Amino acid sequence: MAGTLYLIGTPIGNLEDMTYRGVRILRSVDLIAAEDTRTSRCLLDKYEITTPLVSYHKFNEEAKGDALLNRLLDGEDIALITDAGMPAISDPGEVLVRKCRENHVAVTAVPGPSACITALALSGCDARSFVYEGFLPQDNRGKKAVLQRMEEETRTMIFYEAPHRLVKTLLAFRDVLGGERHVVLCRELTKRFEEVSRMTIEEALAAAEEKEPRGEYVVIVEGMSGDEQAAKKAAAYAETDLASHVAMYEARGMSRKDAMKAAAKDRGISRRDVYAALLKEQE
């Protein structure tokens, strides 16, 4: 009978955030696969966990994944941990989980701390609906391509960033999203020097250029507001004459009344204004 793969969430900073269940399973499994064995050793030593440890990281996840899968198929239980947080979330793990699913090996998760959820809770931003993007591409072209795709995103956006790349990422935010959008910079979460700062993108960029960023960052970006959406939509239609705008909706099968109402909404004006402008154009 095949064993079980346990995905175990580990502390994102403060080692005291480790769960009782996580410790129990790490002690009981046959093997622990860790992203960085040196980093994980600090956690294991704190909780007096002596289970054998092997490395499993993004550079060996295909080959090592096959070896781990074989051990699971032979009946061993294996725990997968990363340096911090949940395996497979911007960390190695996805490949091994997929291999297990394809081979009918049981996989279960032991929840633990999450940097993105911790930051979102601390940010004060709208948490009803959000999108997690993780790390942006390192090259400027790829970074901007992702942001342009998200330019009109109305949900709160969550990104991870390393300190040495923060300025370039904030520059890309400003170029694509504008400097007035609010962001929340969260660094050193759960650690002694935890810091959460809310400001505009322009202000965040100035601060990061003035003082060298330190520590790992979670960057929360507010989604486009309803007012921003309306303004952008109105600007896009400003160069289209009203008659053509109304005709576009009529061509889609709308009545003239409904077409005028839709055009008015696009432009942020009243239907009466549309009607008056159309009459004037006909004079």
C-alpha atoms as a PDB file:
ATOM      1  CA  MET A   1       0.000   0.000   0.000  1.00  0.00           C
ATOM      2  CA  ALA A   2       1.328   3.426  -0.955  1.00  0.00           C
ATOM      3  CA  GLY A   3       2.263   5.964   1.677  1.00  0.00           C
ATOM      4  CA  THR A   4       1.008   9.541   2.070  1.00  0.00           C
ATOM      5  CA  LEU A   5       2.565  12.848   1.042  1.00  0.00           C
ATOM      6  CA  TYR A   6       2.040  15.562   3.661  1.00  0.00           C
ATOM      7  CA  LEU A   7       2.322  19.213   2.568  1.00  0.00           C
ATOM      8  CA  ILE A   8       3.208  21.000   5.786  1.00  0.00           C
ATOM      9  CA  GLY A   9       2.989  24.762   6.192  1.00  0.00           C
ATOM     10  CA  THR A  10       5.934  26.176   8.133  1.00  0.00           C
ATOM     11  CA  PRO A  11       6.451  29.545   9.878  1.00  0.00           C
ATOM     12  CA  ILE A  12       7.059  32.568   7.662  1.00  0.00           C
ATOM     13  CA  GLY A  13       9.294  34.166  10.294  1.00  0.00           C
ATOM     14  CA  ASN A  14       8.452  33.403  13.892  1.00  0.00           C
ATOM     15  CA  LEU A  15       9.235  29.747  14.610  1.00  0.00           C
ATOM     16  CA  GLU A  16       6.624  29.709  17.384  1.00  0.00           C
ATOM     17  CA  ASP A  17       3.923  29.741  14.690  1.00  0.00           C
ATOM     18  CA  MET A  18       4.510  26.052  13.957  1.00  0.00           C
ATOM     19  CA  THR A  19       1.370  23.965  14.611  1.00  0.00           C
ATOM     20  CA  TYR A  20       1.140  21.001  17.009  1.00  0.00           C
ATOM     21  CA  ARG A  21      -0.104  18.792  14.186  1.00  0.00           C
ATOM     22  CA  GLY A  22       2.750  19.844  11.947  1.00  0.00           C
ATOM     23  CA  VAL A  23       5.319  18.940  14.583  1.00  0.00           C
ATOM     24  CA  ARG A  24       3.651  15.586  15.262  1.00  0.00           C
ATOM     25  CA  ILE A  25       3.640  14.604  11.598  1.00  0.00           C
ATOM     26  CA  LEU A  26       7.206  15.750  11.000  1.00  0.00           C
ATOM     27  CA  ARG A  27       8.255  13.462  13.844  1.00  0.00           C
ATOM     28  CA  SER A  28       6.248  10.492  12.589  1.00  0.00           C
ATOM     29  CA  VAL A  29       6.934  10.374   8.828  1.00  0.00           C
ATOM     30  CA  ASP A  30       9.727   8.305   7.302  1.00  0.00           C
ATOM     31  CA  LEU A  31      11.324  11.217   5.484  1.00  0.00           C
ATOM     32  CA  ILE A  32      11.201  15.025   5.233  1.00  0.00           C
ATOM     33  CA  ALA A  33      11.850  16.684   1.869  1.00  0.00           C
ATOM     34  CA  ALA A  34      12.913  20.314   2.366  1.00  0.00           C
ATOM     35  CA  GLU A  35      13.575  23.212  -0.004  1.00  0.00           C
ATOM     36  CA  ASP A  36      16.761  24.128   1.898  1.00  0.00           C
ATOM     37  CA  THR A  37      17.964  21.596   4.449  1.00  0.00           C
ATOM     38  CA  ARG A  38      20.086  24.189   6.289  1.00  0.00           C
ATOM     39  CA  THR A  39      17.128  26.546   6.774  1.00  0.00           C
ATOM     40  CA  SER A  40      14.796  23.722   7.752  1.00  0.00           C
ATOM     41  CA  ARG A  41      17.306  22.336  10.251  1.00  0.00           C
ATOM     42  CA  CYS A  42      16.746  25.395  12.477  1.00  0.00           C
ATOM     43  CA  LEU A  43      13.024  24.606  12.659  1.00  0.00           C
ATOM     44  CA  LEU A  44      13.545  20.874  13.199  1.00  0.00           C
ATOM     45  CA  ASP A  45      16.151  21.429  15.923  1.00  0.00           C
ATOM     46  CA  LYS A  46      13.837  23.799  17.787  1.00  0.00           C
ATOM     47  CA  TYR A  47      11.167  21.103  18.002  1.00  0.00           C
ATOM     48  CA  GLU A  48      13.624  18.220  18.491  1.00  0.00           C
ATOM     49  CA  ILE A  49      12.632  16.530  15.235  1.00  0.00           C
ATOM     50  CA  THR A  50      15.189  13.945  14.139  1.00  0.00           C
ATOM     51  CA  THR A  51      13.452  12.525  11.043  1.00  0.00           C
ATOM     52  CA  PRO A  52      15.841  11.997   8.061  1.00  0.00           C
ATOM     53  CA  LEU A  53      16.023  15.057   5.803  1.00  0.00           C
ATOM     54  CA  VAL A  54      16.659  15.370   2.051  1.00  0.00           C
ATOM     55  CA  SER A  55      16.651  18.362  -0.295  1.00  0.00           C
ATOM     56  CA  TYR A  56      13.854  19.047  -2.762  1.00  0.00           C
ATOM     57  CA  HIS A  57      14.035  22.366  -4.604  1.00  0.00           C
ATOM     58  CA  LYS A  58      13.191  23.951  -7.948  1.00  0.00           C
ATOM     59  CA  PHE A  59      16.455  22.795  -9.543  1.00  0.00           C
ATOM     60  CA  ASN A  60      15.931  19.103  -8.791  1.00  0.00           C
ATOM     61  CA  GLU A  61      12.151  18.802  -8.465  1.00  0.00           C
ATOM     62  CA  GLU A  62      11.680  16.655 -11.588  1.00  0.00           C
ATOM     63  CA  ALA A  63      14.403  14.090 -10.891  1.00  0.00           C
ATOM     64  CA  LYS A  64      14.029  14.141  -7.118  1.00  0.00           C
ATOM     65  CA  GLY A  65      10.262  14.047  -7.499  1.00  0.00           C
ATOM     66  CA  ASP A  66      10.523  10.662  -9.220  1.00  0.00           C
ATOM     67  CA  ALA A  67      12.723   9.320  -6.426  1.00  0.00           C
ATOM     68  CA  LEU A  68      10.313  10.560  -3.755  1.00  0.00           C
ATOM     69  CA  LEU A  69       7.356   9.136  -5.663  1.00  0.00           C
ATOM     70  CA  ASN A  70       8.990   5.708  -5.740  1.00  0.00           C
ATOM     71  CA  ARG A  71       9.471   5.799  -1.982  1.00  0.00           C
ATOM     72  CA  LEU A  72       5.835   6.781  -1.515  1.00  0.00           C
ATOM     73  CA  LEU A  73       4.742   3.918  -3.795  1.00  0.00           C
ATOM     74  CA  ASP A  74       6.834   1.590  -1.629  1.00  0.00           C
ATOM     75  CA  GLY A  75       4.711   2.598   1.371  1.00  0.00           C
ATOM     76  CA  GLU A  76       6.762   5.359   3.014  1.00  0.00           C
ATOM     77  CA  ASP A  77       5.148   8.541   4.378  1.00  0.00           C
ATOM     78  CA  ILE A  78       6.902  11.745   3.347  1.00  0.00           C
ATOM     79  CA  ALA A  79       6.497  15.337   4.562  1.00  0.00           C
ATOM     80  CA  LEU A  80       7.271  18.202   2.182  1.00  0.00           C
ATOM     81  CA  ILE A  81       8.271  21.579   3.631  1.00  0.00           C
ATOM     82  CA  THR A  82       9.691  24.776   2.186  1.00  0.00           C
ATOM     83  CA  ASP A  83      11.741  27.574   3.720  1.00  0.00           C
ATOM     84  CA  ALA A  84       8.558  29.360   4.801  1.00  0.00           C
ATOM     85  CA  GLY A  85       4.836  29.020   4.217  1.00  0.00           C
ATOM     86  CA  MET A  86       2.947  26.427   2.194  1.00  0.00           C
ATOM     87  CA  PRO A  87       4.644  24.108  -0.329  1.00  0.00           C
ATOM     88  CA  ALA A  88       3.575  24.611  -3.971  1.00  0.00           C
ATOM     89  CA  ILE A  89       2.562  28.267  -3.401  1.00  0.00           C
ATOM     90  CA  SER A  90       5.400  30.218  -5.073  1.00  0.00           C
ATOM     91  CA  ASP A  91       7.596  27.364  -3.812  1.00  0.00           C
ATOM     92  CA  PRO A  92       8.470  23.812  -4.952  1.00  0.00           C
ATOM     93  CA  GLY A  93       5.788  21.182  -4.551  1.00  0.00           C
ATOM     94  CA  GLU A  94       3.445  21.419  -7.519  1.00  0.00           C
ATOM     95  CA  VAL A  95       5.397  18.888  -9.583  1.00  0.00           C
ATOM     96  CA  LEU A  96       5.498  16.293  -6.802  1.00  0.00           C
ATOM     97  CA  VAL A  97       1.799  16.731  -5.997  1.00  0.00           C
ATOM     98  CA  ARG A  98       0.936  16.221  -9.671  1.00  0.00           C
ATOM     99  CA  LYS A  99       3.051  13.052  -9.833  1.00  0.00           C
ATOM    100  CA  CYS A 100       1.296  11.729  -6.742  1.00  0.00           C
ATOM    101  CA  ARG A 101      -2.159  12.475  -8.136  1.00  0.00           C
ATOM    102  CA  GLU A 102      -1.298  10.760 -11.419  1.00  0.00           C
ATOM    103  CA  ASN A 103      -0.135   7.667  -9.525  1.00  0.00           C
ATOM    104  CA  HIS A 104      -3.001   7.572  -7.009  1.00  0.00           C
ATOM    105  CA  VAL A 105      -0.795   8.400  -4.036  1.00  0.00           C
ATOM    106  CA  ALA A 106      -2.622  10.128  -1.180  1.00  0.00           C
ATOM    107  CA  VAL A 107      -1.774  13.790  -0.632  1.00  0.00           C
ATOM    108  CA  THR A 108      -2.949  15.870   2.310  1.00  0.00           C
ATOM    109  CA  ALA A 109      -2.104  19.313   3.646  1.00  0.00           C
ATOM    110  CA  VAL A 110      -1.288  20.483   7.144  1.00  0.00           C
ATOM    111  CA  PRO A 111      -2.200  24.199   7.075  1.00  0.00           C
ATOM    112  CA  GLY A 112       0.172  26.767   8.478  1.00  0.00           C
ATOM    113  CA  PRO A 113       1.154  30.434   8.183  1.00  0.00           C
ATOM    114  CA  SER A 114       0.735  32.141   4.826  1.00  0.00           C
ATOM    115  CA  ALA A 115       2.559  35.367   3.977  1.00  0.00           C
ATOM    116  CA  CYS A 116      -0.026  36.526   1.424  1.00  0.00           C
ATOM    117  CA  ILE A 117      -3.023  35.984   3.726  1.00  0.00           C
ATOM    118  CA  THR A 118      -1.205  37.477   6.722  1.00  0.00           C
ATOM    119  CA  ALA A 119      -0.335  40.589   4.716  1.00  0.00           C
ATOM    120  CA  LEU A 120      -3.845  40.920   3.307  1.00  0.00           C
ATOM    121  CA  ALA A 121      -5.340  40.771   6.806  1.00  0.00           C
ATOM    122  CA  LEU A 122      -2.944  43.489   7.995  1.00  0.00           C
ATOM    123  CA  SER A 123      -3.371  45.721   4.943  1.00  0.00           C
ATOM    124  CA  GLY A 124      -6.859  47.088   5.521  1.00  0.00           C
ATOM    125  CA  CYS A 125      -7.571  46.583   1.810  1.00  0.00           C
ATOM    126  CA  ASP A 126     -10.718  44.957   0.458  1.00  0.00           C
ATOM    127  CA  ALA A 127     -10.334  41.265   1.330  1.00  0.00           C
ATOM    128  CA  ARG A 128     -13.712  40.111  -0.006  1.00  0.00           C
ATOM    129  CA  SER A 129     -12.199  39.378  -3.371  1.00  0.00           C
ATOM    130  CA  PHE A 130      -8.506  39.283  -4.228  1.00  0.00           C
ATOM    131  CA  VAL A 131      -6.033  37.827  -6.728  1.00  0.00           C
ATOM    132  CA  TYR A 132      -2.674  36.328  -5.771  1.00  0.00           C
ATOM    133  CA  GLU A 133       0.051  36.845  -8.376  1.00  0.00           C
ATOM    134  CA  GLY A 134       3.160  35.879  -6.378  1.00  0.00           C
ATOM    135  CA  PHE A 135       6.498  36.919  -7.878  1.00  0.00           C
ATOM    136  CA  LEU A 136       6.411  38.948 -11.092  1.00  0.00           C
ATOM    137  CA  PRO A 137       8.847  38.073 -13.918  1.00  0.00           C
ATOM    138  CA  GLN A 138      12.297  39.545 -13.263  1.00  0.00           C
ATOM    139  CA  ASP A 139      12.743  41.087 -16.718  1.00  0.00           C
ATOM    140  CA  ASN A 140      11.057  44.449 -17.293  1.00  0.00           C
ATOM    141  CA  ARG A 141       9.218  43.352 -20.430  1.00  0.00           C
ATOM    142  CA  GLY A 142       7.688  40.321 -18.735  1.00  0.00           C
ATOM    143  CA  LYS A 143       6.869  42.326 -15.618  1.00  0.00           C
ATOM    144  CA  LYS A 144       5.023  45.000 -17.558  1.00  0.00           C
ATOM    145  CA  ALA A 145       3.199  42.427 -19.683  1.00  0.00           C
ATOM    146  CA  VAL A 146       1.716  40.837 -16.560  1.00  0.00           C
ATOM    147  CA  LEU A 147       0.769  44.217 -15.078  1.00  0.00           C
ATOM    148  CA  GLN A 148      -0.833  45.405 -18.317  1.00  0.00           C
ATOM    149  CA  ARG A 149      -3.005  42.301 -18.211  1.00  0.00           C
ATOM    150  CA  MET A 150      -4.048  43.317 -14.696  1.00  0.00           C
ATOM    151  CA  GLU A 151      -4.368  47.042 -15.376  1.00  0.00           C
ATOM    152  CA  GLU A 152      -8.156  47.048 -15.028  1.00  0.00           C
ATOM    153  CA  GLU A 153      -8.285  44.445 -12.249  1.00  0.00           C
ATOM    154  CA  THR A 154     -10.826  45.546  -9.639  1.00  0.00           C
ATOM    155  CA  ARG A 155      -9.838  42.975  -7.011  1.00  0.00           C
ATOM    156  CA  THR A 156      -7.071  43.553  -4.482  1.00  0.00           C
ATOM    157  CA  MET A 157      -3.781  42.234  -5.915  1.00  0.00           C
ATOM    158  CA  ILE A 158      -1.080  40.451  -3.913  1.00  0.00           C
ATOM    159  CA  PHE A 159       2.553  40.192  -4.996  1.00  0.00           C
ATOM    160  CA  TYR A 160       5.779  38.895  -3.454  1.00  0.00           C
ATOM    161  CA  GLU A 161       9.045  40.726  -4.024  1.00  0.00           C
ATOM    162  CA  ALA A 162      12.683  40.516  -2.968  1.00  0.00           C
ATOM    163  CA  PRO A 163      14.226  43.703  -1.521  1.00  0.00           C
ATOM    164  CA  HIS A 164      16.769  44.172  -4.327  1.00  0.00           C
ATOM    165  CA  ARG A 165      13.980  44.137  -6.951  1.00  0.00           C
ATOM    166  CA  LEU A 166      11.420  46.285  -5.097  1.00  0.00           C
ATOM    167  CA  VAL A 167      12.332  49.599  -6.768  1.00  0.00           C
ATOM    168  CA  LYS A 168      12.073  48.135 -10.292  1.00  0.00           C
ATOM    169  CA  THR A 169       8.724  46.570  -9.447  1.00  0.00           C
ATOM    170  CA  LEU A 170       7.361  49.831  -8.043  1.00  0.00           C
ATOM    171  CA  LEU A 171       8.568  51.634 -11.184  1.00  0.00           C
ATOM    172  CA  ALA A 172       6.614  49.125 -13.277  1.00  0.00           C
ATOM    173  CA  PHE A 173       3.549  49.646 -11.064  1.00  0.00           C
ATOM    174  CA  ARG A 174       3.777  53.392 -11.622  1.00  0.00           C
ATOM    175  CA  ASP A 175       4.258  53.062 -15.380  1.00  0.00           C
ATOM    176  CA  VAL A 176       1.277  50.748 -15.829  1.00  0.00           C
ATOM    177  CA  LEU A 177      -1.089  51.494 -12.943  1.00  0.00           C
ATOM    178  CA  GLY A 178      -0.219  55.130 -12.272  1.00  0.00           C
ATOM    179  CA  GLY A 179       1.354  56.746  -9.238  1.00  0.00           C
ATOM    180  CA  GLU A 180      -1.827  57.496  -7.284  1.00  0.00           C
ATOM    181  CA  ARG A 181      -2.998  53.919  -6.719  1.00  0.00           C
ATOM    182  CA  HIS A 182      -2.553  52.860  -3.089  1.00  0.00           C
ATOM    183  CA  VAL A 183      -0.234  50.026  -2.087  1.00  0.00           C
ATOM    184  CA  VAL A 184       0.591  48.421   1.232  1.00  0.00           C
ATOM    185  CA  LEU A 185       4.177  47.266   1.740  1.00  0.00           C
ATOM    186  CA  CYS A 186       4.497  44.450   4.285  1.00  0.00           C
ATOM    187  CA  ARG A 187       7.964  43.331   5.302  1.00  0.00           C
ATOM    188  CA  GLU A 188       9.466  40.975   7.864  1.00  0.00           C
ATOM    189  CA  LEU A 189       6.035  39.565   8.705  1.00  0.00           C
ATOM    190  CA  THR A 190       5.805  37.913  12.163  1.00  0.00           C
ATOM    191  CA  LYS A 191       9.414  38.913  12.904  1.00  0.00           C
ATOM    192  CA  ARG A 192      10.777  41.455  15.359  1.00  0.00           C
ATOM    193  CA  PHE A 193      10.959  44.302  12.838  1.00  0.00           C
ATOM    194  CA  GLU A 194       7.609  43.664  11.136  1.00  0.00           C
ATOM    195  CA  GLU A 195       6.488  46.728   9.205  1.00  0.00           C
ATOM    196  CA  VAL A 196       3.263  47.513   7.342  1.00  0.00           C
ATOM    197  CA  SER A 197       3.139  50.791   5.389  1.00  0.00           C
ATOM    198  CA  ARG A 198       0.226  52.147   3.332  1.00  0.00           C
ATOM    199  CA  MET A 199       0.933  54.843   0.733  1.00  0.00           C
ATOM    200  CA  THR A 200       0.554  55.673  -2.936  1.00  0.00           C
ATOM    201  CA  ILE A 201       2.756  53.938  -5.493  1.00  0.00           C
ATOM    202  CA  GLU A 202       4.590  57.223  -6.042  1.00  0.00           C
ATOM    203  CA  GLU A 203       5.239  57.620  -2.313  1.00  0.00           C
ATOM    204  CA  ALA A 204       6.339  54.001  -1.974  1.00  0.00           C
ATOM    205  CA  LEU A 205       8.778  54.411  -4.848  1.00  0.00           C
ATOM    206  CA  ALA A 206      10.274  57.572  -3.325  1.00  0.00           C
ATOM    207  CA  ALA A 207      10.690  55.830   0.039  1.00  0.00           C
ATOM    208  CA  ALA A 208      12.325  52.764  -1.523  1.00  0.00           C
ATOM    209  CA  GLU A 209      14.735  54.923  -3.546  1.00  0.00           C
ATOM    210  CA  GLU A 210      15.660  56.971  -0.462  1.00  0.00           C
ATOM    211  CA  LYS A 211      16.270  54.031   1.893  1.00  0.00           C
ATOM    212  CA  GLU A 212      17.528  50.648   0.701  1.00  0.00           C
ATOM    213  CA  PRO A 213      14.757  48.049   1.107  1.00  0.00           C
ATOM    214  CA  ARG A 214      15.524  45.161   3.452  1.00  0.00           C
ATOM    215  CA  GLY A 215      13.685  41.929   4.140  1.00  0.00           C
ATOM    216  CA  GLU A 216      11.203  40.005   2.022  1.00  0.00           C
ATOM    217  CA  TYR A 217       8.138  41.975   0.908  1.00  0.00           C
ATOM    218  CA  VAL A 218       4.487  41.234   0.318  1.00  0.00           C
ATOM    219  CA  VAL A 219       3.024  44.071  -1.760  1.00  0.00           C
ATOM    220  CA  ILE A 220      -0.730  44.612  -1.666  1.00  0.00           C
ATOM    221  CA  VAL A 221      -2.113  46.760  -4.496  1.00  0.00           C
ATOM    222  CA  GLU A 222      -5.637  48.148  -4.486  1.00  0.00           C
ATOM    223  CA  GLY A 223      -7.763  47.227  -7.471  1.00  0.00           C
ATOM    224  CA  MET A 224      -9.117  49.808  -9.889  1.00  0.00           C
ATOM    225  CA  SER A 225     -11.987  51.697  -8.282  1.00  0.00           C
ATOM    226  CA  GLY A 226     -15.388  52.176  -9.853  1.00  0.00           C
ATOM    227  CA  ASP A 227     -14.621  55.883 -10.421  1.00  0.00           C
ATOM    228  CA  GLU A 228     -11.358  54.991 -12.166  1.00  0.00           C
ATOM    229  CA  GLN A 229     -13.160  52.496 -14.376  1.00  0.00           C
ATOM    230  CA  ALA A 230     -15.832  55.021 -15.325  1.00  0.00           C
ATOM    231  CA  ALA A 231     -13.251  57.733 -16.069  1.00  0.00           C
ATOM    232  CA  LYS A 232     -11.185  55.398 -18.233  1.00  0.00           C
ATOM    233  CA  LYS A 233     -14.230  54.205 -20.111  1.00  0.00           C
ATOM    234  CA  ALA A 234     -15.432  57.759 -20.677  1.00  0.00           C
ATOM    235  CA  ALA A 235     -12.002  58.786 -21.955  1.00  0.00           C
ATOM    236  CA  ALA A 236     -11.926  55.826 -24.349  1.00  0.00           C
ATOM    237  CA  TYR A 237     -15.262  56.867 -25.877  1.00  0.00           C
ATOM    238  CA  ALA A 238     -14.512  60.597 -25.894  1.00  0.00           C
ATOM    239  CA  GLU A 239     -13.014  60.371 -29.380  1.00  0.00           C
ATOM    240  CA  THR A 240     -16.065  58.540 -30.755  1.00  0.00           C
ATOM    241  CA  ASP A 241     -18.962  60.731 -31.898  1.00  0.00           C
ATOM    242  CA  LEU A 242     -22.264  60.078 -30.140  1.00  0.00           C
ATOM    243  CA  ALA A 243     -24.131  58.981 -33.234  1.00  0.00           C
ATOM    244  CA  SER A 244     -21.578  56.226 -33.914  1.00  0.00           C
ATOM    245  CA  HIS A 245     -21.580  55.241 -30.255  1.00  0.00           C
ATOM    246  CA  VAL A 246     -25.372  54.825 -30.179  1.00  0.00           C
ATOM    247  CA  ALA A 247     -25.337  53.092 -33.575  1.00  0.00           C
ATOM    248  CA  MET A 248     -22.825  50.538 -32.218  1.00  0.00           C
ATOM    249  CA  TYR A 249     -25.338  49.405 -29.590  1.00  0.00           C
ATOM    250  CA  GLU A 250     -28.224  49.464 -32.050  1.00  0.00           C
ATOM    251  CA  ALA A 251     -26.208  47.158 -34.310  1.00  0.00           C
ATOM    252  CA  ARG A 252     -26.083  44.704 -31.401  1.00  0.00           C
ATOM    253  CA  GLY A 253     -29.883  44.559 -31.377  1.00  0.00           C
ATOM    254  CA  MET A 254     -30.680  47.207 -28.750  1.00  0.00           C
ATOM    255  CA  SER A 255     -33.606  49.554 -29.132  1.00  0.00           C
ATOM    256  CA  ARG A 256     -32.669  53.188 -29.731  1.00  0.00           C
ATOM    257  CA  LYS A 257     -33.747  54.062 -26.190  1.00  0.00           C
ATOM    258  CA  ASP A 258     -31.577  51.346 -24.640  1.00  0.00           C
ATOM    259  CA  ALA A 259     -28.687  52.197 -26.961  1.00  0.00           C
ATOM    260  CA  MET A 260     -28.813  55.815 -25.831  1.00  0.00           C
ATOM    261  CA  LYS A 261     -28.920  54.714 -22.208  1.00  0.00           C
ATOM    262  CA  ALA A 262     -25.869  52.452 -22.699  1.00  0.00           C
ATOM    263  CA  ALA A 263     -23.911  55.193 -24.465  1.00  0.00           C
ATOM    264  CA  ALA A 264     -24.775  57.653 -21.704  1.00  0.00           C
ATOM    265  CA  LYS A 265     -23.487  55.217 -19.086  1.00  0.00           C
ATOM    266  CA  ASP A 266     -20.239  54.704 -21.006  1.00  0.00           C
ATOM    267  CA  ARG A 267     -19.633  58.446 -21.129  1.00  0.00           C
ATOM    268  CA  GLY A 268     -20.781  59.260 -17.616  1.00  0.00           C
ATOM    269  CA  ILE A 269     -23.556  61.569 -18.793  1.00  0.00           C
ATOM    270  CA  SER A 270     -27.360  61.459 -18.714  1.00  0.00           C
ATOM    271  CA  ARG A 271     -29.546  59.976 -21.459  1.00  0.00           C
ATOM    272  CA  ARG A 272     -31.107  63.423 -21.851  1.00  0.00           C
ATOM    273  CA  ASP A 273     -27.672  64.848 -22.670  1.00  0.00           C
ATOM    274  CA  VAL A 274     -27.181  62.137 -25.304  1.00  0.00           C
ATOM    275  CA  TYR A 275     -30.569  62.892 -26.832  1.00  0.00           C
ATOM    276  CA  ALA A 276     -29.848  66.636 -26.917  1.00  0.00           C
ATOM    277  CA  ALA A 277     -26.434  66.111 -28.482  1.00  0.00           C
ATOM    278  CA  LEU A 278     -27.887  63.833 -31.165  1.00  0.00           C
ATOM    279  CA  LEU A 279     -30.523  66.415 -32.064  1.00  0.00           C
ATOM    280  CA  LYS A 280     -27.844  69.056 -32.323  1.00  0.00           C
ATOM    281  CA  GLU A 281     -25.739  66.843 -34.612  1.00  0.00           C
ATOM    282  CA  GLN A 282     -28.738  66.450 -36.923  1.00  0.00           C
ATOM    283  CA  GLU A 283     -29.300  70.204 -37.293  1.00  0.00           C
END
